[in-house]
C-alpha atoms as a PDB file:
ATOM      1  CA  MET A   1     -44.542 -19.906  17.426  1.00  0.00           C
ATOM      2  CA  LYS A   2     -40.829 -19.139  18.146  1.00  0.00           C
ATOM      3  CA  LYS A   3     -40.153 -18.852  14.514  1.00  0.00           C
ATOM      4  CA  TYR A   4     -43.353 -16.445  14.162  1.00  0.00           C
ATOM      5  CA  ILE A   5     -41.726 -13.964  16.983  1.00  0.00           C
ATOM      6  CA  ILE A   6     -38.234 -14.261  15.104  1.00  0.00           C
ATOM      7  CA  SER A   7     -40.228 -13.572  11.861  1.00  0.00           C
ATOM      8  CA  ILE A   8     -42.017 -10.323  13.573  1.00  0.00           C
ATOM      9  CA  LEU A   9     -38.661  -9.151  14.959  1.00  0.00           C
ATOM     10  CA  LEU A  10     -36.867  -9.434  11.962  1.00  0.00           C
ATOM     11  CA  VAL A  11     -39.539  -7.371  10.116  1.00  0.00           C
ATOM     12  CA  PHE A  12     -39.391  -4.756  12.706  1.00  0.00           C
ATOM     13  CA  PHE A  13     -35.597  -4.196  12.585  1.00  0.00           C
ATOM     14  CA  ILE A  14     -35.669  -4.179   8.564  1.00  0.00           C
ATOM     15  CA  THR A  15     -38.229  -1.540   8.933  1.00  0.00           C
ATOM     16  CA  ILE A  16     -36.218   0.554  11.553  1.00  0.00           C
ATOM     17  CA  VAL A  17     -32.949   0.068   9.366  1.00  0.00           C
ATOM     18  CA  SER A  18     -34.685   1.425   6.062  1.00  0.00           C
ATOM     19  CA  LEU A  19     -35.920   4.545   8.059  1.00  0.00           C
ATOM     20  CA  TYR A  20     -32.532   5.335   8.944  1.00  0.00           C
ATOM     21  CA  ALA A  21     -31.233   4.881   5.786  1.00  0.00           C
ATOM     22  CA  LEU A  22     -33.505   6.998   3.883  1.00  0.00           C
ATOM     23  CA  PRO A  23     -31.544  10.667   2.636  1.00  0.00           C
ATOM     24  CA  ILE A  24     -31.381  13.258   5.868  1.00  0.00           C
ATOM     25  CA  LEU A  25     -34.040  15.188   3.483  1.00  0.00           C
ATOM     26  CA  SER A  26     -36.018  13.952   0.373  1.00  0.00           C
ATOM     27  CA  VAL A  27     -39.003  15.464  -1.854  1.00  0.00           C
ATOM     28  CA  VAL A  28     -42.507  13.976  -1.505  1.00  0.00           C
ATOM     29  CA  ASN A  29     -44.568  16.032  -3.615  1.00  0.00           C
ATOM     30  CA  VAL A  30     -44.624  20.214  -5.009  1.00  0.00           C
ATOM     31  CA  TYR A  31     -48.083  21.739  -5.821  1.00  0.00           C
ATOM     32  CA  PRO A  32     -49.723  23.274  -7.747  1.00  0.00           C
ATOM     33  CA  LEU A  33     -47.102  23.827 -10.231  1.00  0.00           C
ATOM     34  CA  PRO A  34     -47.241  26.412 -11.800  1.00  0.00           C
ATOM     35  CA  SER A  35     -48.492  28.539  -8.642  1.00  0.00           C
ATOM     36  CA  GLU A  36     -50.350  31.908  -8.524  1.00  0.00           C
ATOM     37  CA  ASN A  37     -50.676  32.202  -5.035  1.00  0.00           C
ATOM     38  CA  THR A  38     -48.714  29.731  -2.636  1.00  0.00           C
ATOM     39  CA  THR A  39     -46.888  26.676  -3.479  1.00  0.00           C
ATOM     40  CA  THR A  40     -46.454  23.601  -0.843  1.00  0.00           C
ATOM     41  CA  ILE A  41     -43.277  21.667  -1.042  1.00  0.00           C
ATOM     42  CA  GLU A  42     -43.735  17.978   1.016  1.00  0.00           C
ATOM     43  CA  TYR A  43     -40.591  16.251   2.052  1.00  0.00           C
ATOM     44  CA  PHE A  44     -39.326  13.782   4.262  1.00  0.00           C
ATOM     45  CA  GLN A  45     -37.104  14.293   7.155  1.00  0.00           C
ATOM     46  CA  GLN A  46     -34.999  11.514   8.623  1.00  0.00           C
ATOM     47  CA  ILE A  47     -35.588  10.132  11.613  1.00  0.00           C
ATOM     48  CA  GLY A  48     -33.343  11.769  14.464  1.00  0.00           C
ATOM     49  CA  THR A  49     -32.719  15.141  12.969  1.00  0.00           C
ATOM     50  CA  THR A  50     -34.133  17.983  14.549  1.00  0.00           C
ATOM     51  CA  ASN A  51     -36.227  20.809  12.878  1.00  0.00           C
ATOM     52  CA  ASP A  52     -33.414  23.117  12.084  1.00  0.00           C
ATOM     53  CA  ILE A  53     -34.039  23.404   8.643  1.00  0.00           C
ATOM     54  CA  THR A  54     -33.224  26.966   6.670  1.00  0.00           C
ATOM     55  CA  LEU A  55     -34.821  28.037   3.466  1.00  0.00           C
ATOM     56  CA  LYS A  56     -33.402  30.245   0.775  1.00  0.00           C
ATOM     57  CA  LEU A  57     -35.384  31.084  -2.854  1.00  0.00           C
ATOM     58  CA  TYR A  58     -33.001  31.935  -5.714  1.00  0.00           C
ATOM     59  CA  ASN A  59     -34.028  33.603  -9.174  1.00  0.00           C
ATOM     60  CA  THR A  60     -32.643  32.007 -12.276  1.00  0.00           C
ATOM     61  CA  GLU A  61     -29.834  34.428 -12.133  1.00  0.00           C
ATOM     62  CA  GLY A  62     -29.008  33.105  -8.861  1.00  0.00           C
ATOM     63  CA  SER A  63     -29.907  36.063  -6.658  1.00  0.00           C
ATOM     64  CA  GLU A  64     -31.289  35.286  -3.721  1.00  0.00           C
ATOM     65  CA  VAL A  65     -35.123  36.258  -2.896  1.00  0.00           C
ATOM     66  CA  THR A  66     -35.707  34.662   0.269  1.00  0.00           C
ATOM     67  CA  GLN A  67     -36.839  38.355   1.583  1.00  0.00           C
ATOM     68  CA  LYS A  68     -39.780  38.364  -1.388  1.00  0.00           C
ATOM     69  CA  ILE A  69     -41.739  35.374   0.308  1.00  0.00           C
ATOM     70  CA  LYS A  70     -43.544  34.231   3.372  1.00  0.00           C
ATOM     71  CA  TYR A  71     -43.167  30.647   4.288  1.00  0.00           C
ATOM     72  CA  SER A  72     -44.071  28.530   7.234  1.00  0.00           C
ATOM     73  CA  PHE A  73     -42.986  24.534   8.213  1.00  0.00           C
ATOM     74  CA  GLU A  74     -45.649  22.142   9.430  1.00  0.00           C
ATOM     75  CA  THR A  75     -45.574  18.408  10.443  1.00  0.00           C
ATOM     76  CA  VAL A  76     -47.821  16.067   8.189  1.00  0.00           C
ATOM     77  CA  ILE A  77     -47.147  13.238  10.153  1.00  0.00           C
ATOM     78  CA  ASN A  78     -44.067  12.161  11.619  1.00  0.00           C
ATOM     79  CA  MET A  79     -41.035  12.091   9.089  1.00  0.00           C
ATOM     80  CA  ARG A  80     -43.224  13.554   6.580  1.00  0.00           C
ATOM     81  CA  LYS A  81     -43.073  17.757   6.699  1.00  0.00           C
ATOM     82  CA  LYS A  82     -44.140  20.356   4.517  1.00  0.00           C
ATOM     83  CA  VAL A  83     -42.997  23.795   4.134  1.00  0.00           C
ATOM     84  CA  ILE A  84     -45.994  26.597   2.094  1.00  0.00           C
ATOM     85  CA  LEU A  85     -44.518  29.496   0.200  1.00  0.00           C
ATOM     86  CA  GLU A  86     -46.342  32.683  -0.392  1.00  0.00           C
ATOM     87  CA  PRO A  87     -44.674  35.050  -2.717  1.00  0.00           C
ATOM     88  CA  GLN A  88     -44.812  38.611  -1.976  1.00  0.00           C
ATOM     89  CA  ASN A  89     -44.420  40.632  -5.290  1.00  0.00           C
ATOM     90  CA  LEU A  90     -42.252  38.127  -7.135  1.00  0.00           C
ATOM     91  CA  PRO A  91     -42.303  38.461 -11.009  1.00  0.00           C
ATOM     92  CA  LYS A  92     -43.286  35.504 -13.075  1.00  0.00           C
ATOM     93  CA  GLY A  93     -40.960  32.937 -13.303  1.00  0.00           C
ATOM     94  CA  ILE A  94     -38.826  29.917 -12.435  1.00  0.00           C
ATOM     95  CA  TYR A  95     -37.385  29.746  -8.844  1.00  0.00           C
ATOM     96  CA  ILE A  96     -35.059  27.356  -6.992  1.00  0.00           C
ATOM     97  CA  CYS A  97     -36.251  26.687  -3.351  1.00  0.00           C
ATOM     98  CA  VAL A  98     -32.957  25.381  -1.171  1.00  0.00           C
ATOM     99  CA  LEU A  99     -33.926  23.642   1.906  1.00  0.00           C
ATOM    100  CA  LYS A 100     -30.961  23.265   4.265  1.00  0.00           C
ATOM    101  CA  TYR A 101     -30.210  20.885   7.305  1.00  0.00           C
ATOM    102  CA  LYS A 102     -26.663  21.371   8.456  1.00  0.00           C
ATOM    103  CA  GLU A 103     -24.661  20.043   5.157  1.00  0.00           C
ATOM    104  CA  ASN A 104     -27.619  18.682   3.485  1.00  0.00           C
ATOM    105  CA  ASN A 105     -29.233  20.793   0.647  1.00  0.00           C
ATOM    106  CA  LEU A 106     -32.722  19.655  -1.099  1.00  0.00           C
ATOM    107  CA  SER A 107     -33.347  21.914  -4.168  1.00  0.00           C
ATOM    108  CA  VAL A 108     -36.790  21.943  -5.524  1.00  0.00           C
ATOM    109  CA  LYS A 109     -37.721  24.074  -8.686  1.00  0.00           C
ATOM    110  CA  ILE A 110     -40.820  26.089  -8.645  1.00  0.00           C
ATOM    111  CA  MET A 111     -42.778  28.162 -11.362  1.00  0.00           C
ATOM    112  CA  LEU A 112     -44.872  31.454 -10.493  1.00  0.00           C
ATOM    113  CA  ASN A 113     -47.352  32.586 -12.662  1.00  0.00           C
END
């Protein structure tokens, strides 16, 4: 019985340590690609971080076009989050979405049709 309890505690400890070993932000999924109306970016956010994430959108020339989109952040479950982008009068093309938490950046390429 004692070995069983030690095994359970060890698995629990390894699980907790591995959750904290994840990057601060990491991409899970981006859909649909290409997009016409909305694009959803799902990502993991490390346990213990706050929701102070900023979003910027750049075109391929490096110009910021964040003001031409509406976006909202949502929590899917626990560490899994998502941001929904709704372009407003953006031309077709490839864009780079940058999610930033403190000094950590996560860049995602999206394509609008």
